N, C-alpha and C. Protein backbone atom coordinates (compact mmCIF):
# COMPACT_ATOMS: atom_id res chain seq x y z
N MET A 1 44.05 9.82 29.85
CA MET A 1 44.98 10.64 29.55
C MET A 1 44.88 10.95 27.94
N VAL A 2 44.71 10.00 27.26
CA VAL A 2 44.90 10.16 25.72
C VAL A 2 43.66 10.99 25.24
N TYR A 3 42.46 10.71 25.87
CA TYR A 3 41.27 11.46 25.52
C TYR A 3 41.35 12.81 25.94
N GLU A 4 41.80 13.03 27.10
CA GLU A 4 41.70 14.47 27.53
C GLU A 4 42.70 15.23 26.73
N ARG A 5 43.84 14.54 26.47
CA ARG A 5 44.84 15.12 25.96
C ARG A 5 44.46 15.77 24.32
N TYR A 6 43.61 15.25 23.66
CA TYR A 6 43.15 15.77 22.42
C TYR A 6 41.90 16.41 22.53
N ASN A 7 40.93 16.44 23.70
CA ASN A 7 39.59 16.97 23.63
C ASN A 7 39.46 17.98 24.68
N ASN A 8 40.43 18.12 25.48
CA ASN A 8 40.64 19.24 26.65
C ASN A 8 41.40 20.30 26.60
N PRO A 9 41.60 21.54 25.95
CA PRO A 9 42.67 22.40 25.85
C PRO A 9 43.29 22.83 27.11
N LYS A 10 42.53 22.85 28.30
CA LYS A 10 43.10 23.26 29.72
C LYS A 10 44.16 22.16 30.19
N PHE A 11 43.65 20.78 30.01
CA PHE A 11 44.44 19.67 30.15
C PHE A 11 45.67 19.49 29.17
N THR A 12 45.53 19.86 28.03
CA THR A 12 46.45 19.79 26.99
C THR A 12 47.43 20.77 27.53
N GLU A 13 47.32 22.15 27.93
CA GLU A 13 48.21 22.96 28.39
C GLU A 13 49.17 22.41 29.62
N TRP A 14 48.27 21.87 30.54
CA TRP A 14 48.89 21.38 32.00
C TRP A 14 50.10 20.28 31.32
N PHE A 15 49.41 19.58 30.42
CA PHE A 15 50.35 18.27 30.07
C PHE A 15 51.61 18.64 29.44
N LYS A 16 51.60 19.69 28.51
CA LYS A 16 52.89 20.21 28.03
C LYS A 16 53.96 20.73 29.15
N GLU A 17 53.46 21.25 29.98
CA GLU A 17 54.20 21.77 31.10
C GLU A 17 54.66 20.80 31.96
N HIS A 18 54.02 19.72 32.25
CA HIS A 18 54.34 18.54 33.13
C HIS A 18 54.38 17.30 32.66
N THR A 19 55.08 17.01 31.25
CA THR A 19 55.09 15.73 30.37
C THR A 19 55.72 15.00 31.36
N THR A 20 57.01 15.11 31.95
CA THR A 20 57.71 13.92 32.62
C THR A 20 56.63 13.46 33.80
N PHE A 21 56.11 14.45 34.69
CA PHE A 21 55.32 14.05 35.72
C PHE A 21 54.09 13.25 35.24
N ALA A 22 53.51 13.75 34.05
CA ALA A 22 52.46 12.76 33.58
C ALA A 22 52.84 11.59 33.09
N ALA A 23 53.81 11.31 32.67
CA ALA A 23 54.41 10.15 32.22
C ALA A 23 54.70 9.07 33.27
N ILE A 24 55.24 9.68 34.37
CA ILE A 24 55.49 8.91 35.69
C ILE A 24 54.06 8.38 36.28
N ILE A 25 53.26 9.42 36.27
CA ILE A 25 51.86 8.78 36.87
C ILE A 25 51.20 7.86 36.02
N THR A 26 51.41 8.12 34.75
CA THR A 26 50.89 6.95 33.94
C THR A 26 51.23 5.54 34.02
N VAL A 27 52.71 5.49 34.25
CA VAL A 27 53.23 4.28 34.59
C VAL A 27 52.92 3.66 35.98
N PHE A 28 52.80 4.65 36.97
CA PHE A 28 52.07 3.89 38.07
C PHE A 28 50.68 3.72 38.28
N ALA A 29 49.93 4.39 37.33
CA ALA A 29 48.39 3.97 36.93
C ALA A 29 48.42 2.56 36.50
N GLY A 30 49.62 2.07 35.79
CA GLY A 30 49.30 0.71 35.29
C GLY A 30 49.24 -0.21 36.38
N ALA A 31 49.76 0.12 37.70
CA ALA A 31 49.67 -0.81 38.91
C ALA A 31 48.55 -0.51 39.79
N ASP A 32 47.88 0.75 39.76
CA ASP A 32 46.64 1.23 40.39
C ASP A 32 46.12 2.40 39.61
N VAL A 33 44.83 2.47 39.26
CA VAL A 33 44.20 3.42 38.63
C VAL A 33 44.14 4.62 39.49
N GLU A 34 44.14 4.41 40.79
CA GLU A 34 43.93 5.67 41.66
C GLU A 34 45.11 6.68 41.55
N ALA A 35 46.20 6.03 41.12
CA ALA A 35 47.30 6.99 40.83
C ALA A 35 47.15 8.14 40.03
N LEU A 36 46.25 8.04 38.96
CA LEU A 36 45.68 9.13 38.24
C LEU A 36 45.11 10.39 38.78
N LYS A 37 44.52 9.77 40.06
CA LYS A 37 43.66 10.99 40.76
C LYS A 37 44.77 11.99 41.25
N LEU A 38 46.05 11.66 41.34
CA LEU A 38 47.08 12.89 41.55
C LEU A 38 47.28 13.90 40.94
N ILE A 39 47.00 13.92 39.60
CA ILE A 39 47.12 14.79 38.50
C ILE A 39 46.40 15.79 38.62
N TYR A 40 45.08 15.67 39.53
CA TYR A 40 44.19 16.91 39.67
C TYR A 40 43.87 17.16 41.15
N SER A 41 44.73 16.55 42.21
CA SER A 41 44.31 16.54 43.38
C SER A 41 44.60 17.73 44.10
N GLU A 42 45.39 18.38 43.44
CA GLU A 42 45.75 20.12 44.07
C GLU A 42 46.55 19.92 45.46
N LEU A 43 47.29 18.88 45.35
CA LEU A 43 48.11 18.43 46.54
C LEU A 43 49.12 19.43 47.05
N ALA A 44 48.97 20.07 48.23
CA ALA A 44 49.86 20.98 48.75
C ALA A 44 50.03 22.19 47.98
N GLY A 45 49.09 22.75 47.05
CA GLY A 45 48.83 23.68 46.36
C GLY A 45 49.93 23.93 45.19
N TYR A 46 50.63 22.74 44.86
CA TYR A 46 51.55 22.76 43.74
C TYR A 46 51.00 22.75 42.29
N GLN A 47 51.40 23.53 41.41
CA GLN A 47 51.02 23.66 39.83
C GLN A 47 50.78 22.40 39.37
N ILE A 48 51.91 21.55 39.66
CA ILE A 48 51.96 20.14 39.11
C ILE A 48 50.86 19.29 39.29
N PHE A 49 49.99 19.53 40.46
CA PHE A 49 49.13 18.59 40.86
C PHE A 49 47.54 19.42 40.38
N LYS A 50 47.62 20.34 39.63
CA LYS A 50 46.39 21.01 39.31
C LYS A 50 46.08 20.73 37.69
N ALA A 51 45.83 19.69 37.17
CA ALA A 51 45.42 19.40 35.78
C ALA A 51 44.00 19.63 35.68
N LYS A 52 43.51 20.34 34.76
CA LYS A 52 42.17 20.56 34.63
C LYS A 52 41.49 19.52 33.77
N ILE A 53 40.83 18.46 34.20
CA ILE A 53 40.34 17.35 33.64
C ILE A 53 38.75 17.45 33.78
N SER A 54 38.18 16.91 32.67
CA SER A 54 36.78 16.91 32.47
C SER A 54 36.04 15.95 33.52
N ASP A 55 34.62 16.45 33.68
CA ASP A 55 33.81 15.75 34.59
C ASP A 55 33.71 14.25 34.25
N GLY A 56 33.76 13.89 32.63
CA GLY A 56 33.75 12.84 32.10
C GLY A 56 34.84 11.88 32.62
N ALA A 57 36.17 12.48 32.57
CA ALA A 57 37.41 11.68 32.73
C ALA A 57 37.40 11.42 34.26
N LYS A 58 36.82 12.52 35.27
CA LYS A 58 36.71 12.02 36.48
C LYS A 58 35.73 11.02 36.74
N LYS A 59 34.60 10.90 36.11
CA LYS A 59 33.70 9.93 36.12
C LYS A 59 34.37 8.38 35.81
N CYS A 60 34.95 8.37 34.57
CA CYS A 60 35.93 7.37 34.24
C CYS A 60 36.70 6.81 35.29
N LEU A 61 37.62 7.78 36.04
CA LEU A 61 38.44 7.36 36.96
C LEU A 61 37.76 6.72 38.37
N LEU A 62 36.55 7.16 38.72
CA LEU A 62 35.65 6.71 39.68
C LEU A 62 35.26 5.38 39.39
N TRP A 63 34.69 5.04 38.05
CA TRP A 63 34.43 3.78 37.85
C TRP A 63 35.52 2.81 37.64
N GLY A 64 36.71 3.26 37.17
CA GLY A 64 37.79 2.45 37.07
C GLY A 64 38.23 1.82 38.49
N SER A 65 38.23 2.83 39.50
CA SER A 65 38.58 2.41 40.94
C SER A 65 37.44 1.43 41.23
N VAL A 66 36.10 1.57 41.05
CA VAL A 66 35.38 0.67 41.40
C VAL A 66 35.47 -0.73 40.92
N ILE A 67 35.76 -0.81 39.65
CA ILE A 67 35.90 -1.95 38.95
C ILE A 67 37.27 -2.51 39.42
N ASN A 68 38.35 -2.00 39.77
CA ASN A 68 39.49 -2.17 40.24
C ASN A 68 39.32 -2.96 41.45
N ALA A 69 38.53 -2.28 42.41
CA ALA A 69 38.26 -2.86 43.78
C ALA A 69 37.64 -4.36 43.70
N LEU A 70 36.58 -4.30 42.93
CA LEU A 70 35.73 -5.41 42.58
C LEU A 70 36.70 -6.70 42.15
N ILE A 71 37.61 -6.16 41.20
CA ILE A 71 38.30 -7.37 40.62
C ILE A 71 39.68 -7.80 41.51
N GLU A 72 40.24 -6.63 42.08
CA GLU A 72 41.43 -7.02 42.81
C GLU A 72 41.00 -7.26 44.34
N ASP A 73 40.52 -6.31 44.91
CA ASP A 73 40.47 -6.13 46.54
C ASP A 73 39.23 -7.18 46.90
N LEU A 74 38.10 -7.28 46.23
CA LEU A 74 37.16 -8.40 46.89
C LEU A 74 37.58 -9.75 47.00
N PRO A 75 38.25 -10.18 45.81
CA PRO A 75 38.64 -11.65 46.05
C PRO A 75 39.56 -11.76 47.02
N GLN A 76 40.43 -10.81 47.30
CA GLN A 76 41.28 -10.95 48.54
C GLN A 76 40.71 -11.00 49.83
N VAL A 77 39.72 -10.26 49.98
CA VAL A 77 38.80 -10.22 51.03
C VAL A 77 38.24 -11.67 51.21
N VAL A 78 37.60 -12.23 50.17
CA VAL A 78 36.98 -13.64 50.41
C VAL A 78 37.88 -14.70 50.73
N ILE A 79 39.13 -14.45 49.99
CA ILE A 79 40.15 -15.53 50.35
C ILE A 79 40.77 -15.59 51.80
N GLN A 80 40.91 -14.30 52.34
CA GLN A 80 40.99 -14.05 53.60
C GLN A 80 40.20 -14.52 54.54
N VAL A 81 38.87 -14.16 54.42
CA VAL A 81 37.96 -14.62 55.28
C VAL A 81 37.79 -16.41 55.20
N CYS A 82 37.79 -17.00 54.04
CA CYS A 82 37.86 -18.30 54.06
C CYS A 82 38.86 -19.05 54.80
N PHE A 83 40.23 -18.51 54.50
CA PHE A 83 41.45 -19.00 55.10
C PHE A 83 41.21 -18.70 56.77
N TYR A 84 40.81 -17.58 57.33
CA TYR A 84 40.45 -17.36 58.53
C TYR A 84 39.44 -18.33 59.08
N THR A 85 38.41 -18.31 58.68
CA THR A 85 37.47 -19.34 58.92
C THR A 85 37.85 -21.12 59.23
N LYS A 86 39.02 -21.41 58.44
CA LYS A 86 39.29 -22.69 58.52
C LYS A 86 40.52 -22.77 59.51
N SER A 87 40.92 -21.68 59.95
CA SER A 87 42.23 -21.92 61.02
C SER A 87 41.52 -21.93 62.27
């Protein structure tokens, strides 16, 4: 968000118009990086979901999601499989 804010004029314009929404999404992103995808999802055609972010930022979000899955979700699956096979 910080990188886009200072290096992407279209995102800066969107950010100025939707500061509260951006702050809420940033807080949610602390729990799950996937929440950041909401800002450019174009959900239901609402302007608040139409941030213009760069392809580099989208790539960072993709890799953040992959790393999050490896760190958070994969160990849960391993534990569940190990627990299930012992039962």
